[in-house]
Protein backbone atom coordinates (compact mmCIF):
# COMPACT_ATOMS: atom_id res chain seq x y z
CA UNK A 1 0.13 0.17 0.11
CA UNK A 2 1.56 3.43 -0.93
CA UNK A 3 0.37 5.92 1.49
CA UNK A 4 1.21 9.47 1.38
CA UNK A 5 -0.02 12.61 3.15
CA UNK A 6 -3.00 15.05 2.09
CA UNK A 7 -4.38 17.94 3.73
CA UNK A 8 -8.17 18.27 4.12
CA UNK A 9 -9.62 21.33 2.80
CA UNK A 10 -13.46 22.53 2.41
CA UNK A 11 -14.61 24.04 -0.74
CA UNK A 12 -17.71 24.92 -2.12
CA UNK A 13 -19.57 22.42 0.69
CA UNK A 14 -17.59 19.42 -0.08
CA UNK A 15 -14.42 18.15 1.66
CA UNK A 16 -11.36 17.78 -0.74
CA UNK A 17 -7.89 16.54 -0.51
CA UNK A 18 -4.73 18.29 -1.83
CA UNK A 19 -1.07 16.81 -1.58
CA UNK A 20 0.57 17.73 1.24
CA UNK A 21 3.62 17.76 -0.60
CA UNK A 22 2.40 20.97 -2.78
CA UNK A 23 1.65 22.95 0.61
CA UNK A 24 4.04 25.54 2.26
CA UNK A 25 1.48 26.23 4.87
CA UNK A 26 -1.88 27.55 5.88
CA UNK A 27 -2.73 30.75 7.11
CA UNK A 28 -5.39 32.86 7.85
CA UNK A 29 -5.83 35.68 4.97
CA UNK A 30 -5.98 39.20 6.01
CA UNK A 31 -6.24 42.18 3.20
CA UNK A 32 -6.47 41.44 0.00
CA UNK A 33 -5.44 44.13 -2.50
CA UNK A 34 -7.39 43.93 -6.35
CA UNK A 35 -5.81 43.92 -9.36
CA UNK A 36 -7.09 45.26 -12.43
CA UNK A 37 -7.66 43.56 -15.21
CA UNK A 38 -6.64 40.47 -13.61
CA UNK A 39 -8.56 36.86 -14.43
CA UNK A 40 -11.84 36.92 -12.45
CA UNK A 41 -10.15 33.74 -10.27
CA UNK A 42 -7.51 35.93 -8.83
CA UNK A 43 -8.92 37.96 -6.23
CA UNK A 44 -5.65 40.13 -5.71
CA UNK A 45 -2.77 40.26 -4.17
CA UNK A 46 -1.70 39.71 -0.31
CA UNK A 47 1.37 40.43 1.90
CA UNK A 48 2.04 37.30 4.02
CA UNK A 49 5.52 36.78 6.15
CA UNK A 50 7.30 39.44 4.08
CA UNK A 51 6.44 38.27 0.56
CA UNK A 52 3.53 38.93 -1.73
CA UNK A 53 1.50 36.32 -2.83
CA UNK A 54 -1.38 35.95 -5.63
CA UNK A 55 -4.61 35.17 -3.87
CA UNK A 56 -6.64 32.61 -6.36
CA UNK A 57 -10.40 32.45 -5.54
CA UNK A 58 -10.62 28.47 -5.51
CA UNK A 59 -14.56 28.77 -6.15
CA UNK A 60 -14.19 30.97 -9.43
CA UNK A 61 -11.40 28.56 -10.58
CA UNK A 62 -14.13 26.11 -10.32
CA UNK A 63 -16.38 27.61 -11.82
CA UNK A 64 -18.40 28.90 -8.62
CA UNK A 65 -19.83 31.93 -6.82
CA UNK A 66 -16.94 33.81 -5.36
CA UNK A 67 -15.91 33.20 -1.64
CA UNK A 68 -17.92 35.64 0.56
CA UNK A 69 -15.47 35.90 3.19
CA UNK A 70 -12.23 35.07 2.59
CA UNK A 71 -10.90 33.65 5.98
CA UNK A 72 -8.47 30.57 5.06
CA UNK A 73 -5.84 29.98 2.33
CA UNK A 74 -3.51 27.44 1.42
CA UNK A 75 -0.19 28.46 0.58
CA UNK A 76 1.76 27.01 -2.27
CA UNK A 77 4.94 28.02 -4.33
CA UNK A 78 4.57 27.12 -8.05
CA UNK A 79 6.69 27.92 -10.55
CA UNK A 80 8.81 29.85 -8.43
CA UNK A 81 5.84 32.10 -7.27
CA UNK A 82 3.81 32.11 -4.12
CA UNK A 83 -0.15 31.60 -4.33
CA UNK A 84 -2.61 31.92 -1.79
CA UNK A 85 -5.60 29.44 -2.57
CA UNK A 86 -8.88 30.38 -0.49
CA UNK A 87 -11.00 27.66 1.15
CA UNK A 88 -13.59 27.68 3.35
CA UNK A 89 -12.21 25.61 6.06
CA UNK A 90 -8.89 23.36 6.62
CA UNK A 91 -8.77 20.15 8.62
CA UNK A 92 -5.81 18.15 9.24
CA UNK A 93 -3.14 16.12 7.45
CA UNK A 94 -3.61 12.64 6.96
CA UNK A 95 -2.14 9.40 5.33
CA UNK A 96 -4.29 7.93 2.29
CA UNK A 97 -3.68 5.99 -0.57
CA UNK A 98 -4.37 8.14 -3.89
CA UNK A 99 -6.28 6.34 -6.50
CA UNK A 100 -7.01 7.25 -10.36
CA UNK A 101 -10.32 8.64 -11.27
CA UNK A 102 -12.62 6.27 -12.63
CA UNK A 103 -13.03 6.04 -16.12
CA UNK A 104 -16.32 7.82 -17.23
CA UNK A 105 -16.50 10.03 -14.40
CA UNK A 106 -18.19 12.94 -15.06
CA UNK A 107 -17.15 16.48 -12.96
CA UNK A 108 -18.68 19.22 -13.46
CA UNK A 109 -17.39 22.79 -14.14
CA UNK A 110 -13.84 23.26 -13.18
CA UNK A 111 -13.76 20.09 -11.16
CA UNK A 112 -12.88 17.97 -13.59
CA UNK A 113 -9.53 20.45 -14.64
CA UNK A 114 -8.71 20.21 -11.17
CA UNK A 115 -9.01 16.23 -10.48
CA UNK A 116 -5.92 14.06 -9.84
CA UNK A 117 -7.59 11.29 -8.43
CA UNK A 118 -9.28 10.09 -5.42
CA UNK A 119 -9.13 9.05 -1.61
CA UNK A 120 -11.24 7.62 0.58
CA UNK A 121 -11.65 8.90 4.23
CA UNK A 122 -14.11 6.75 6.63
CA UNK A 123 -15.38 5.25 3.41
CA UNK A 124 -16.44 8.45 1.78
CA UNK A 125 -14.29 9.19 -1.48
CA UNK A 126 -12.99 12.77 -1.76
CA UNK A 127 -11.52 14.16 -4.76
CA UNK A 128 -7.85 15.13 -4.71
CA UNK A 129 -7.16 18.94 -6.15
CA UNK A 130 -4.02 20.26 -8.03
CA UNK A 131 -3.37 23.32 -6.81
CA UNK A 132 -1.27 24.35 -9.98
CA UNK A 133 -4.51 23.43 -12.21
CA UNK A 134 -6.57 26.21 -10.26
CA UNK A 135 -4.34 29.16 -11.56
CA UNK A 136 -5.86 31.12 -14.07
CA UNK A 137 -4.22 30.19 -17.65
CA UNK A 138 -2.99 33.70 -18.12
CA UNK A 139 -1.10 33.59 -15.09
CA UNK A 140 0.41 29.99 -15.48
CA UNK A 141 1.64 31.30 -18.89
CA UNK A 142 3.17 34.40 -17.18
CA UNK A 143 5.02 32.47 -14.49
């Protein structure tokens, strides 16, 4: 059995798993400064621990309504840039075995692009999401 660590996060009324190896830290997010002409999923910029991070509204990336009041975020460094991915809540890190997505599994909206597998927690399947897939395409091209 090949188990790895995953961070449990709550996004848009569902629990998801994020590969803990992709996570730098988790934070309470404070002030976010809007960026004119940024893609809709880019909520803005925030200063965290003496660095500026691009704040990604995970809900918008998944094709849902924006996060009402951002409070928590998962910080990750991707292609040399730091990003804060907004989440509704965070739980703990736990070991799970990742399984591939079932052939023919239909996921709506941005969930399909972000899906990177499935883990099972207490008999309930949780979608593994890839943080890199949540970055708007224009922002990834600039990186």
